[in-house]
């Protein structure tokens, strides 16, 4: 669990590849939020990823990769809980940025 200061109240979650989920608008708007992140299936997803890498470049790889992707679809899942804690103190440097996790 961690705290997140968000001066705009617009939250987005992203990964290192630039993929982002935007439009997360908590009901309280700007403020300090507590964030708890839970996951399951991460280890299985890693195993599936390496299994697919082994198949790539072999005879019939396209069909086998597609089959493995269907077989492992949705194996990795995340739950993020966000709740408002308090207002933020005034800060003249705030601009119209999104709060990114």
C-alpha atoms as a PDB file:
ATOM      1  CA  UNK A   1       0.000   0.000   0.000  1.00  0.00           C
ATOM      2  CA  UNK A   2       1.184   3.520  -0.740  1.00  0.00           C
ATOM      3  CA  UNK A   3      -0.050   7.120  -0.821  1.00  0.00           C
ATOM      4  CA  UNK A   4      -0.538   9.076  -4.029  1.00  0.00           C
ATOM      5  CA  UNK A   5      -0.849  12.868  -4.147  1.00  0.00           C
ATOM      6  CA  UNK A   6      -3.076  13.825  -7.051  1.00  0.00           C
ATOM      7  CA  UNK A   7      -3.679  17.551  -7.627  1.00  0.00           C
ATOM      8  CA  UNK A   8      -6.110  16.981 -10.559  1.00  0.00           C
ATOM      9  CA  UNK A   9      -8.083  13.901  -9.536  1.00  0.00           C
ATOM     10  CA  UNK A  10      -7.483  12.380 -12.999  1.00  0.00           C
ATOM     11  CA  UNK A  11      -5.708   9.072 -12.533  1.00  0.00           C
ATOM     12  CA  UNK A  12      -4.092   6.800 -15.096  1.00  0.00           C
ATOM     13  CA  UNK A  13      -2.300   3.481 -14.809  1.00  0.00           C
ATOM     14  CA  UNK A  14       0.374   2.452 -17.272  1.00  0.00           C
ATOM     15  CA  UNK A  15       3.222   0.097 -17.982  1.00  0.00           C
ATOM     16  CA  UNK A  16       6.788   0.533 -19.210  1.00  0.00           C
ATOM     17  CA  UNK A  17       5.654   0.058 -22.814  1.00  0.00           C
ATOM     18  CA  UNK A  18       3.433   3.146 -22.849  1.00  0.00           C
ATOM     19  CA  UNK A  19       0.143   1.290 -22.530  1.00  0.00           C
ATOM     20  CA  UNK A  20      -2.171   3.237 -20.234  1.00  0.00           C
ATOM     21  CA  UNK A  21      -5.644   3.060 -18.762  1.00  0.00           C
ATOM     22  CA  UNK A  22      -6.958   6.603 -18.489  1.00  0.00           C
ATOM     23  CA  UNK A  23     -10.165   8.193 -17.336  1.00  0.00           C
ATOM     24  CA  UNK A  24     -10.011   6.882 -13.788  1.00  0.00           C
ATOM     25  CA  UNK A  25     -11.944   9.619 -12.026  1.00  0.00           C
ATOM     26  CA  UNK A  26     -12.310   9.025  -8.297  1.00  0.00           C
ATOM     27  CA  UNK A  27     -15.484  10.557  -6.866  1.00  0.00           C
ATOM     28  CA  UNK A  28     -13.625  12.949  -4.522  1.00  0.00           C
ATOM     29  CA  UNK A  29     -11.429  14.540  -7.209  1.00  0.00           C
ATOM     30  CA  UNK A  30      -8.079  16.102  -6.203  1.00  0.00           C
ATOM     31  CA  UNK A  31      -6.407  14.998  -2.998  1.00  0.00           C
ATOM     32  CA  UNK A  32      -4.228  12.409  -1.315  1.00  0.00           C
ATOM     33  CA  UNK A  33      -5.254   8.819  -2.024  1.00  0.00           C
ATOM     34  CA  UNK A  34      -4.252   5.502  -0.522  1.00  0.00           C
ATOM     35  CA  UNK A  35      -3.566   2.825  -3.143  1.00  0.00           C
ATOM     36  CA  UNK A  36      -3.458  -0.943  -2.658  1.00  0.00           C
ATOM     37  CA  UNK A  37      -2.582  -3.201  -5.588  1.00  0.00           C
ATOM     38  CA  UNK A  38      -3.263  -6.932  -5.682  1.00  0.00           C
ATOM     39  CA  UNK A  39      -2.405  -9.427  -8.405  1.00  0.00           C
ATOM     40  CA  UNK A  40      -2.630 -13.091  -9.257  1.00  0.00           C
ATOM     41  CA  UNK A  41      -1.370 -15.227 -12.086  1.00  0.00           C
ATOM     42  CA  UNK A  42       1.856 -13.264 -12.606  1.00  0.00           C
ATOM     43  CA  UNK A  43       4.083 -16.362 -12.403  1.00  0.00           C
ATOM     44  CA  UNK A  44       1.793 -18.339 -14.731  1.00  0.00           C
ATOM     45  CA  UNK A  45       1.811 -15.438 -17.209  1.00  0.00           C
ATOM     46  CA  UNK A  46       5.619 -15.433 -17.185  1.00  0.00           C
ATOM     47  CA  UNK A  47       5.623 -19.181 -17.876  1.00  0.00           C
ATOM     48  CA  UNK A  48       3.151 -18.736 -20.733  1.00  0.00           C
ATOM     49  CA  UNK A  49       5.262 -15.919 -22.192  1.00  0.00           C
ATOM     50  CA  UNK A  50       8.411 -18.043 -22.241  1.00  0.00           C
ATOM     51  CA  UNK A  51       6.437 -20.978 -23.640  1.00  0.00           C
ATOM     52  CA  UNK A  52       5.303 -18.794 -26.537  1.00  0.00           C
ATOM     53  CA  UNK A  53       8.877 -17.568 -27.129  1.00  0.00           C
ATOM     54  CA  UNK A  54      10.060 -21.178 -27.468  1.00  0.00           C
ATOM     55  CA  UNK A  55       7.442 -21.850 -30.155  1.00  0.00           C
ATOM     56  CA  UNK A  56       8.164 -18.717 -32.192  1.00  0.00           C
ATOM     57  CA  UNK A  57      10.287 -19.332 -35.245  1.00  0.00           C
ATOM     58  CA  UNK A  58       9.412 -23.030 -35.436  1.00  0.00           C
ATOM     59  CA  UNK A  59       7.329 -24.803 -38.087  1.00  0.00           C
ATOM     60  CA  UNK A  60       3.637 -23.954 -37.662  1.00  0.00           C
ATOM     61  CA  UNK A  61       4.475 -21.254 -35.125  1.00  0.00           C
ATOM     62  CA  UNK A  62       1.636 -18.887 -36.066  1.00  0.00           C
ATOM     63  CA  UNK A  63      -1.082 -21.396 -35.278  1.00  0.00           C
ATOM     64  CA  UNK A  64       0.670 -22.722 -32.165  1.00  0.00           C
ATOM     65  CA  UNK A  65       1.298 -19.198 -30.802  1.00  0.00           C
ATOM     66  CA  UNK A  66      -2.347 -18.219 -31.398  1.00  0.00           C
ATOM     67  CA  UNK A  67      -3.444 -21.410 -29.633  1.00  0.00           C
ATOM     68  CA  UNK A  68      -1.187 -20.695 -26.633  1.00  0.00           C
ATOM     69  CA  UNK A  69      -2.428 -17.102 -26.459  1.00  0.00           C
ATOM     70  CA  UNK A  70      -6.056 -18.285 -26.379  1.00  0.00           C
ATOM     71  CA  UNK A  71      -5.199 -20.910 -23.770  1.00  0.00           C
ATOM     72  CA  UNK A  72      -3.563 -18.380 -21.413  1.00  0.00           C
ATOM     73  CA  UNK A  73      -5.812 -15.370 -22.062  1.00  0.00           C
ATOM     74  CA  UNK A  74      -6.804 -13.652 -18.806  1.00  0.00           C
ATOM     75  CA  UNK A  75      -4.435 -15.683 -16.618  1.00  0.00           C
ATOM     76  CA  UNK A  76      -2.865 -12.520 -15.164  1.00  0.00           C
ATOM     77  CA  UNK A  77      -5.260 -10.333 -13.177  1.00  0.00           C
ATOM     78  CA  UNK A  78      -4.940  -7.155 -11.128  1.00  0.00           C
ATOM     79  CA  UNK A  79      -7.137  -5.383  -8.607  1.00  0.00           C
ATOM     80  CA  UNK A  80      -6.396  -1.820  -7.587  1.00  0.00           C
ATOM     81  CA  UNK A  81      -8.177  -0.212  -4.647  1.00  0.00           C
ATOM     82  CA  UNK A  82      -7.995   3.575  -4.395  1.00  0.00           C
ATOM     83  CA  UNK A  83      -9.549   5.647  -1.648  1.00  0.00           C
ATOM     84  CA  UNK A  84      -9.440   9.324  -0.809  1.00  0.00           C
ATOM     85  CA  UNK A  85      -7.688  10.304   2.416  1.00  0.00           C
ATOM     86  CA  UNK A  86      -7.397  14.090   2.646  1.00  0.00           C
ATOM     87  CA  UNK A  87      -7.124  17.370   0.751  1.00  0.00           C
ATOM     88  CA  UNK A  88      -3.710  18.447  -0.509  1.00  0.00           C
ATOM     89  CA  UNK A  89      -2.064  21.585   0.814  1.00  0.00           C
ATOM     90  CA  UNK A  90      -2.025  24.483  -1.709  1.00  0.00           C
ATOM     91  CA  UNK A  91       0.900  24.361  -4.157  1.00  0.00           C
ATOM     92  CA  UNK A  92       1.602  27.099  -6.721  1.00  0.00           C
ATOM     93  CA  UNK A  93       3.488  24.612  -8.944  1.00  0.00           C
ATOM     94  CA  UNK A  94       0.419  22.438  -9.640  1.00  0.00           C
ATOM     95  CA  UNK A  95      -0.502  22.262 -13.293  1.00  0.00           C
ATOM     96  CA  UNK A  96      -3.021  20.233 -15.293  1.00  0.00           C
ATOM     97  CA  UNK A  97      -1.130  16.928 -15.121  1.00  0.00           C
ATOM     98  CA  UNK A  98      -2.596  13.486 -14.613  1.00  0.00           C
ATOM     99  CA  UNK A  99      -1.550  11.419 -11.634  1.00  0.00           C
ATOM    100  CA  UNK A 100       0.177   8.311 -12.962  1.00  0.00           C
ATOM    101  CA  UNK A 101       0.670   5.016 -11.168  1.00  0.00           C
END
